[in-house]
Amino acid sequence: MEYVAVAESVVRIAQNTFMREFTETEAGRVLHFDGAL
């Protein structure tokens, strides 16, 4: 059970990190696109 809890925590942290980087990348792309216009 402890291993499952640790695995879930790692997955949750990884997902949060990925989503934050993805959101920042998307925001940068949108800003760059707006600037190109």
PDB file of N, CA and C in Angstrom:
ATOM      1  N   MET A   1       0.833  -1.208   0.000  1.00  0.00           N
ATOM      2  CA  MET A   1       0.000   0.000   0.000  1.00  0.00           C
ATOM      3  C   MET A   1       0.868   1.259   0.000  1.00  0.00           C
ATOM      4  N   GLU A   2       1.969   1.198   0.724  1.00  0.00           N
ATOM      5  CA  GLU A   2       2.828   2.383   0.773  1.00  0.00           C
ATOM      6  C   GLU A   2       3.399   2.681  -0.619  1.00  0.00           C
ATOM      7  N   TYR A   3       3.757   1.609  -1.337  1.00  0.00           N
ATOM      8  CA  TYR A   3       4.314   1.814  -2.669  1.00  0.00           C
ATOM      9  C   TYR A   3       3.282   2.460  -3.588  1.00  0.00           C
ATOM     10  N   VAL A   4       2.029   2.052  -3.431  1.00  0.00           N
ATOM     11  CA  VAL A   4       0.963   2.629  -4.260  1.00  0.00           C
ATOM     12  C   VAL A   4       0.823   4.113  -3.960  1.00  0.00           C
ATOM     13  N   ALA A   5       0.855   4.476  -2.688  1.00  0.00           N
ATOM     14  CA  ALA A   5       0.715   5.881  -2.302  1.00  0.00           C
ATOM     15  C   ALA A   5       1.871   6.703  -2.864  1.00  0.00           C
ATOM     16  N   VAL A   6       3.072   6.155  -2.784  1.00  0.00           N
ATOM     17  CA  VAL A   6       4.242   6.871  -3.315  1.00  0.00           C
ATOM     18  C   VAL A   6       4.114   7.022  -4.831  1.00  0.00           C
ATOM     19  N   ALA A   7       3.702   5.954  -5.502  1.00  0.00           N
ATOM     20  CA  ALA A   7       3.554   6.006  -6.961  1.00  0.00           C
ATOM     21  C   ALA A   7       2.515   7.057  -7.353  1.00  0.00           C
ATOM     22  N   GLU A   8       1.403   7.104  -6.637  1.00  0.00           N
ATOM     23  CA  GLU A   8       0.365   8.092  -6.952  1.00  0.00           C
ATOM     24  C   GLU A   8       0.888   9.507  -6.740  1.00  0.00           C
ATOM     25  N   SER A   9       1.689   9.703  -5.689  1.00  0.00           N
ATOM     26  CA  SER A   9       2.247  11.033  -5.421  1.00  0.00           C
ATOM     27  C   SER A   9       3.188  11.440  -6.552  1.00  0.00           C
ATOM     28  N   VAL A  10       4.026  10.504  -6.990  1.00  0.00           N
ATOM     29  CA  VAL A  10       4.972  10.802  -8.075  1.00  0.00           C
ATOM     30  C   VAL A  10       4.216  11.146  -9.349  1.00  0.00           C
ATOM     31  N   VAL A  11       3.185  10.374  -9.648  1.00  0.00           N
ATOM     32  CA  VAL A  11       2.394  10.631 -10.858  1.00  0.00           C
ATOM     33  C   VAL A  11       1.730  11.997 -10.770  1.00  0.00           C
ATOM     34  N   ARG A  12       1.186  12.312  -9.594  1.00  0.00           N
ATOM     35  CA  ARG A  12       0.499  13.597  -9.425  1.00  0.00           C
ATOM     36  C   ARG A  12       1.475  14.755  -9.623  1.00  0.00           C
ATOM     37  N   ILE A  13       2.668  14.639  -9.039  1.00  0.00           N
ATOM     38  CA  ILE A  13       3.673  15.701  -9.178  1.00  0.00           C
ATOM     39  C   ILE A  13       4.092  15.828 -10.643  1.00  0.00           C
ATOM     40  N   ALA A  14       4.276  14.693 -11.290  1.00  0.00           N
ATOM     41  CA  ALA A  14       4.698  14.717 -12.698  1.00  0.00           C
ATOM     42  C   ALA A  14       3.624  15.376 -13.562  1.00  0.00           C
ATOM     43  N   GLN A  15       2.366  15.048 -13.297  1.00  0.00           N
ATOM     44  CA  GLN A  15       1.269  15.638 -14.070  1.00  0.00           C
ATOM     45  C   GLN A  15       1.206  17.150 -13.842  1.00  0.00           C
ATOM     46  N   ASN A  16       1.355  17.582 -12.582  1.00  0.00           N
ATOM     47  CA  ASN A  16       1.301  19.008 -12.271  1.00  0.00           C
ATOM     48  C   ASN A  16       2.435  19.740 -12.971  1.00  0.00           C
ATOM     49  N   THR A  17       3.637  19.145 -12.941  1.00  0.00           N
ATOM     50  CA  THR A  17       4.787  19.776 -13.588  1.00  0.00           C
ATOM     51  C   THR A  17       4.563  19.856 -15.092  1.00  0.00           C
ATOM     52  N   PHE A  18       4.076  18.778 -15.695  1.00  0.00           N
ATOM     53  CA  PHE A  18       3.836  18.756 -17.135  1.00  0.00           C
ATOM     54  C   PHE A  18       2.794  19.796 -17.528  1.00  0.00           C
ATOM     55  N   MET A  19       1.696  19.849 -16.774  1.00  0.00           N
ATOM     56  CA  MET A  19       0.637  20.789 -17.109  1.00  0.00           C
ATOM     57  C   MET A  19       1.118  22.232 -16.981  1.00  0.00           C
ATOM     58  N   ARG A  20       1.961  22.509 -15.967  1.00  0.00           N
ATOM     59  CA  ARG A  20       2.461  23.866 -15.792  1.00  0.00           C
ATOM     60  C   ARG A  20       3.356  24.239 -16.974  1.00  0.00           C
ATOM     61  N   GLU A  21       4.248  23.329 -17.369  1.00  0.00           N
ATOM     62  CA  GLU A  21       5.134  23.612 -18.493  1.00  0.00           C
ATOM     63  C   GLU A  21       4.334  23.730 -19.783  1.00  0.00           C
ATOM     64  N   PHE A  22       3.330  22.863 -19.956  1.00  0.00           N
ATOM     65  CA  PHE A  22       2.504  22.894 -21.158  1.00  0.00           C
ATOM     66  C   PHE A  22       1.743  24.216 -21.239  1.00  0.00           C
ATOM     67  N   THR A  23       1.185  24.651 -20.100  1.00  0.00           N
ATOM     68  CA  THR A  23       0.423  25.903 -20.073  1.00  0.00           C
ATOM     69  C   THR A  23       1.334  27.086 -20.404  1.00  0.00           C
ATOM     70  N   GLU A  24       2.537  27.085 -19.825  1.00  0.00           N
ATOM     71  CA  GLU A  24       3.469  28.184 -20.100  1.00  0.00           C
ATOM     72  C   GLU A  24       3.866  28.178 -21.570  1.00  0.00           C
ATOM     73  N   THR A  25       4.061  26.989 -22.143  1.00  0.00           N
ATOM     74  CA  THR A  25       4.444  26.891 -23.552  1.00  0.00           C
ATOM     75  C   THR A  25       3.301  27.401 -24.427  1.00  0.00           C
ATOM     76  N   GLU A  26       2.073  26.982 -24.098  1.00  0.00           N
ATOM     77  CA  GLU A  26       0.916  27.431 -24.879  1.00  0.00           C
ATOM     78  C   GLU A  26       0.760  28.945 -24.778  1.00  0.00           C
ATOM     79  N   ALA A  27       0.941  29.497 -23.575  1.00  0.00           N
ATOM     80  CA  ALA A  27       0.815  30.945 -23.390  1.00  0.00           C
ATOM     81  C   ALA A  27       1.882  31.662 -24.201  1.00  0.00           C
ATOM     82  N   GLY A  28       3.104  31.129 -24.188  1.00  0.00           N
ATOM     83  CA  GLY A  28       4.187  31.753 -24.956  1.00  0.00           C
ATOM     84  C   GLY A  28       3.897  31.704 -26.453  1.00  0.00           C
ATOM     85  N   ARG A  29       3.324  30.594 -26.910  1.00  0.00           N
ATOM     86  CA  ARG A  29       3.012  30.456 -28.333  1.00  0.00           C
ATOM     87  C   ARG A  29       1.931  31.454 -28.731  1.00  0.00           C
ATOM     88  N   VAL A  30       0.912  31.595 -27.867  1.00  0.00           N
ATOM     89  CA  VAL A  30      -0.178  32.528 -28.166  1.00  0.00           C
ATOM     90  C   VAL A  30       0.355  33.958 -28.187  1.00  0.00           C
ATOM     91  N   LEU A  31       1.188  34.308 -27.205  1.00  0.00           N
ATOM     92  CA  LEU A  31       1.737  35.664 -27.167  1.00  0.00           C
ATOM     93  C   LEU A  31       2.605  35.910 -28.396  1.00  0.00           C
ATOM     94  N   HIS A  32       3.402  34.915 -28.787  1.00  0.00           N
ATOM     95  CA  HIS A  32       4.265  35.058 -29.958  1.00  0.00           C
ATOM     96  C   HIS A  32       3.408  35.228 -31.212  1.00  0.00           C
ATOM     97  N   PHE A  33       2.305  34.469 -31.282  1.00  0.00           N
ATOM     98  CA  PHE A  33       1.414  34.547 -32.432  1.00  0.00           C
ATOM     99  C   PHE A  33       0.766  35.928 -32.499  1.00  0.00           C
ATOM    100  N   ASP A  34       0.310  36.441 -31.346  1.00  0.00           N
ATOM    101  CA  ASP A  34      -0.302  37.765 -31.309  1.00  0.00           C
ATOM    102  C   ASP A  34       0.718  38.818 -31.715  1.00  0.00           C
ATOM    103  N   GLY A  35       1.972  38.637 -31.271  1.00  0.00           N
ATOM    104  CA  GLY A  35       3.009  39.598 -31.617  1.00  0.00           C
ATOM    105  C   GLY A  35       3.306  39.571 -33.108  1.00  0.00           C
ATOM    106  N   ALA A  36       3.183  38.386 -33.730  1.00  0.00           N
ATOM    107  CA  ALA A  36       3.460  38.265 -35.165  1.00  0.00           C
ATOM    108  C   ALA A  36       2.415  39.023 -35.969  1.00  0.00           C
ATOM    109  N   LEU A  37       1.197  39.118 -35.405  1.00  0.00           N
ATOM    110  CA  LEU A  37       0.149  39.844 -36.110  1.00  0.00           C
ATOM    111  C   LEU A  37       0.419  41.335 -35.983  1.00  0.00           C
TER     112      LEU A  37
END
